[in-house]
Protein backbone atom coordinates (compact mmCIF):
# COMPACT_ATOMS: atom_id res chain seq x y z
CA MET A 1 0.00 0.00 0.00
CA ASN A 2 1.66 3.24 -1.10
CA PHE A 3 -0.30 6.42 -0.54
CA LEU A 4 0.15 9.38 -2.86
CA SER A 5 -0.53 11.78 -0.08
CA THR A 6 2.25 12.57 2.32
CA THR A 7 5.40 11.35 4.00
CA ILE A 8 5.61 10.36 7.66
CA LEU A 9 8.98 9.45 9.20
CA GLY A 10 9.94 8.19 12.64
CA VAL A 11 13.47 7.94 14.01
CA ARG A 12 14.78 6.63 17.29
CA ARG A 13 18.28 7.62 18.40
CA GLY A 14 19.47 6.97 21.93
CA ASN A 15 16.71 7.99 24.34
CA ILE A 16 14.99 10.25 21.81
CA THR A 17 12.02 9.25 19.67
CA ALA A 18 10.94 11.67 16.92
CA LEU A 19 8.04 11.49 14.48
CA GLY A 20 7.44 13.98 11.71
CA GLY A 21 5.35 14.61 8.66
CA ASP A 22 4.85 17.18 5.97
CA GLY A 23 1.79 19.42 5.74
CA GLN A 24 0.61 18.96 2.16
CA VAL A 25 -2.88 17.70 1.41
CA THR A 26 -3.69 16.76 -2.16
CA LEU A 27 -6.91 15.93 -3.89
CA GLY A 28 -6.00 14.02 -7.02
CA ASP A 29 -3.22 16.07 -8.60
CA THR A 30 -4.19 19.34 -6.89
CA ILE A 31 -2.69 20.72 -3.69
CA VAL A 32 -5.58 21.86 -1.47
CA LYS A 33 -3.72 22.60 1.79
CA HIS A 34 -0.13 23.30 2.73
CA GLY A 35 -0.07 23.26 6.54
CA ALA A 36 -1.98 20.19 7.73
CA LYS A 37 -0.78 18.51 10.92
CA LYS A 38 -0.58 14.74 10.43
CA ILE A 39 1.19 13.96 13.69
CA LYS A 40 -0.66 13.63 17.01
CA ARG A 41 0.24 12.97 20.61
CA LEU A 42 -1.92 10.28 22.18
CA HIS A 43 -2.30 8.71 25.62
CA ASN A 44 -1.36 11.76 27.72
CA GLY A 45 1.42 12.69 25.30
CA GLU A 46 3.30 9.40 25.77
CA VAL A 47 2.58 8.03 22.27
CA LEU A 48 3.21 9.70 18.91
CA ALA A 49 1.06 8.81 15.92
CA GLY A 50 1.14 9.84 12.27
CA PHE A 51 -0.90 8.88 9.24
CA ALA A 52 -0.83 8.63 5.48
CA GLY A 53 -3.98 8.24 3.43
CA SER A 54 -7.49 9.53 3.84
CA VAL A 55 -7.73 12.13 6.63
CA ALA A 56 -11.21 11.11 7.80
CA ASP A 57 -10.22 7.44 7.81
CA ALA A 58 -7.01 8.16 9.73
CA LEU A 59 -8.84 10.24 12.35
CA ALA A 60 -11.30 7.38 12.89
CA LEU A 61 -8.34 5.00 13.31
CA PHE A 62 -6.59 7.40 15.72
CA ASP A 63 -9.73 7.42 17.89
CA LYS A 64 -10.00 3.64 17.85
CA PHE A 65 -6.29 3.22 18.54
CA GLU A 66 -6.43 5.68 21.45
CA ASN A 67 -9.40 3.79 22.92
CA TYR A 68 -7.39 0.57 22.73
CA LEU A 69 -4.38 2.35 24.29
CA THR A 70 -6.54 3.32 27.25
CA LYS A 71 -8.01 -0.18 27.54
CA ASP A 72 -4.54 -1.73 27.23
CA LYS A 73 -2.96 0.71 29.74
CA GLY A 74 -0.60 2.32 27.18
CA ASP A 75 0.75 -0.92 25.68
CA ILE A 76 1.09 0.09 22.03
CA ILE A 77 1.82 -3.43 20.78
CA ARG A 78 -1.36 -4.80 22.34
CA ALA A 79 -3.37 -1.74 21.20
CA ALA A 80 -2.01 -2.14 17.65
CA THR A 81 -2.94 -5.83 17.66
CA ASP A 82 -6.45 -5.08 18.92
CA LEU A 83 -6.91 -2.31 16.33
CA THR A 84 -5.66 -4.49 13.48
CA LYS A 85 -7.97 -7.35 14.46
CA GLU A 86 -10.97 -5.03 14.47
CA TRP A 87 -9.81 -3.29 11.27
CA ARG A 88 -9.58 -6.64 9.44
CA GLN A 89 -12.80 -8.14 10.81
CA ASP A 90 -15.22 -5.21 10.61
CA LYS A 91 -16.81 -4.79 7.16
CA ILE A 92 -16.94 -1.00 7.43
CA LEU A 93 -13.48 -0.51 8.93
CA ARG A 94 -12.02 -2.81 6.27
CA GLN A 95 -12.80 -0.06 3.74
CA LEU A 96 -10.67 2.57 5.54
CA ASP A 97 -7.84 3.86 3.38
CA ALA A 98 -4.96 4.86 5.66
CA MET A 99 -1.79 3.66 7.35
CA LEU A 100 -0.49 4.62 10.77
CA ILE A 101 2.85 4.90 12.50
CA VAL A 102 2.72 4.79 16.29
CA MET A 103 5.74 5.24 18.54
CA ASP A 104 6.42 5.30 22.24
CA ARG A 105 9.75 5.38 24.03
CA GLU A 106 10.38 1.69 23.28
CA HIS A 107 8.52 0.70 20.13
CA SER A 108 7.94 1.97 16.59
CA LEU A 109 5.06 0.33 14.71
CA MET A 110 3.60 0.61 11.24
CA ILE A 111 -0.05 -0.47 11.18
CA SER A 112 -2.06 -1.18 8.02
CA GLY A 113 -5.54 -2.36 7.22
CA LYS A 114 -4.09 -5.42 5.53
CA GLY A 115 -3.24 -6.76 8.98
CA ASP A 116 0.38 -5.59 9.07
CA ILE A 117 2.02 -4.58 12.31
CA ILE A 118 5.68 -4.03 11.53
CA GLU A 119 8.41 -2.94 13.93
CA PRO A 120 11.70 -2.07 12.21
CA ASP A 121 15.05 -3.36 13.43
CA ASP A 122 16.97 -0.11 13.00
CA GLY A 123 14.83 2.61 14.63
CA VAL A 124 13.68 4.13 11.32
CA ILE A 125 10.10 3.81 10.09
CA SER A 126 8.24 5.57 7.29
CA ILE A 127 4.99 5.55 5.32
CA GLY A 128 3.50 7.52 2.47
CA SER A 129 4.47 8.54 -1.01
CA GLY A 130 7.99 9.65 -0.08
CA SER A 131 8.55 6.76 2.30
CA ALA A 132 11.52 5.17 0.52
CA TYR A 133 13.33 8.52 0.15
CA ALA A 134 12.73 9.37 3.81
CA TYR A 135 13.87 5.96 4.96
CA ALA A 136 17.09 6.10 2.94
CA SER A 137 17.88 9.65 4.01
CA ALA A 138 17.26 8.94 7.70
CA ARG A 139 19.37 5.77 7.66
CA SER A 140 22.20 7.65 6.00
CA LEU A 141 22.03 10.51 8.51
CA LEU A 142 21.93 8.04 11.40
CA ARG A 143 24.99 6.26 10.06
CA PHE A 144 27.10 9.25 9.01
CA SER A 145 26.16 12.09 11.37
CA ASP A 146 25.70 12.88 15.03
CA LEU A 147 22.43 14.74 14.48
CA PRO A 148 19.72 14.14 17.10
CA ALA A 149 16.61 12.19 16.09
CA GLU A 150 14.41 15.27 15.61
CA ARG A 151 16.93 16.91 13.25
CA ILE A 152 17.29 13.68 11.28
CA VAL A 153 13.51 13.59 10.81
CA GLU A 154 13.40 17.27 9.83
CA GLU A 155 16.33 17.13 7.40
CA SER A 156 15.17 13.86 5.82
CA LEU A 157 11.67 15.24 5.23
CA LYS A 158 13.16 18.41 3.70
CA ILE A 159 15.09 16.20 1.27
CA VAL A 160 11.92 14.27 0.44
CA SER A 161 10.06 17.54 -0.21
CA GLU A 162 12.62 18.31 -2.93
CA ILE A 163 11.93 14.95 -4.64
CA CYS A 164 8.33 13.86 -3.99
CA ILE A 165 5.55 16.00 -5.47
CA TYR A 166 3.12 14.82 -2.75
CA THR A 167 5.37 16.04 0.10
CA ASN A 168 6.04 19.66 1.03
CA SER A 169 8.52 21.39 3.34
CA ARG A 170 6.03 22.49 6.02
CA ILE A 171 7.19 19.91 8.49
CA THR A 172 5.85 19.06 11.94
CA VAL A 173 8.04 17.05 14.30
CA GLU A 174 7.02 15.75 17.72
CA VAL A 175 9.55 14.32 20.17
CA LEU A 176 9.52 11.97 23.14
CA LYS A 177 12.53 12.32 25.47
């Protein structure tokens, strides 16, 4: 599933977890908004979440995920599993067109409606149309610089905005320390 809509990138370096996204919203091949915020803090600010895909669908998934986070006492792996089960089994939810990244201080997860819950090995996770560019840029900056996680996210997304027509340079980054 590759969304022509945005780029969301998460990076973990040391004790810092950063999640960022661009602000562009497109409708077909037309830019309709430049400064959307696609990153949210959930569960009393202890979990970061970002989305790619349909805004309405992603907001519905954020709400469901946050309800599971509360029920599961902040355990994002369990909440992601519960959300994915419901997403796959419910006929209406199955139609939702979005992907999520959720991160806490220990875990980084990509969640899709196809039943995927993926946690990367290297602390870098990305979704959206510029995902591959963001992933490559972040891995390179992790390997060859001393930049903190939030700067790696910001600089990688700036690079993506110069390549991907569905990603702009109005970047939002949230950090967990």
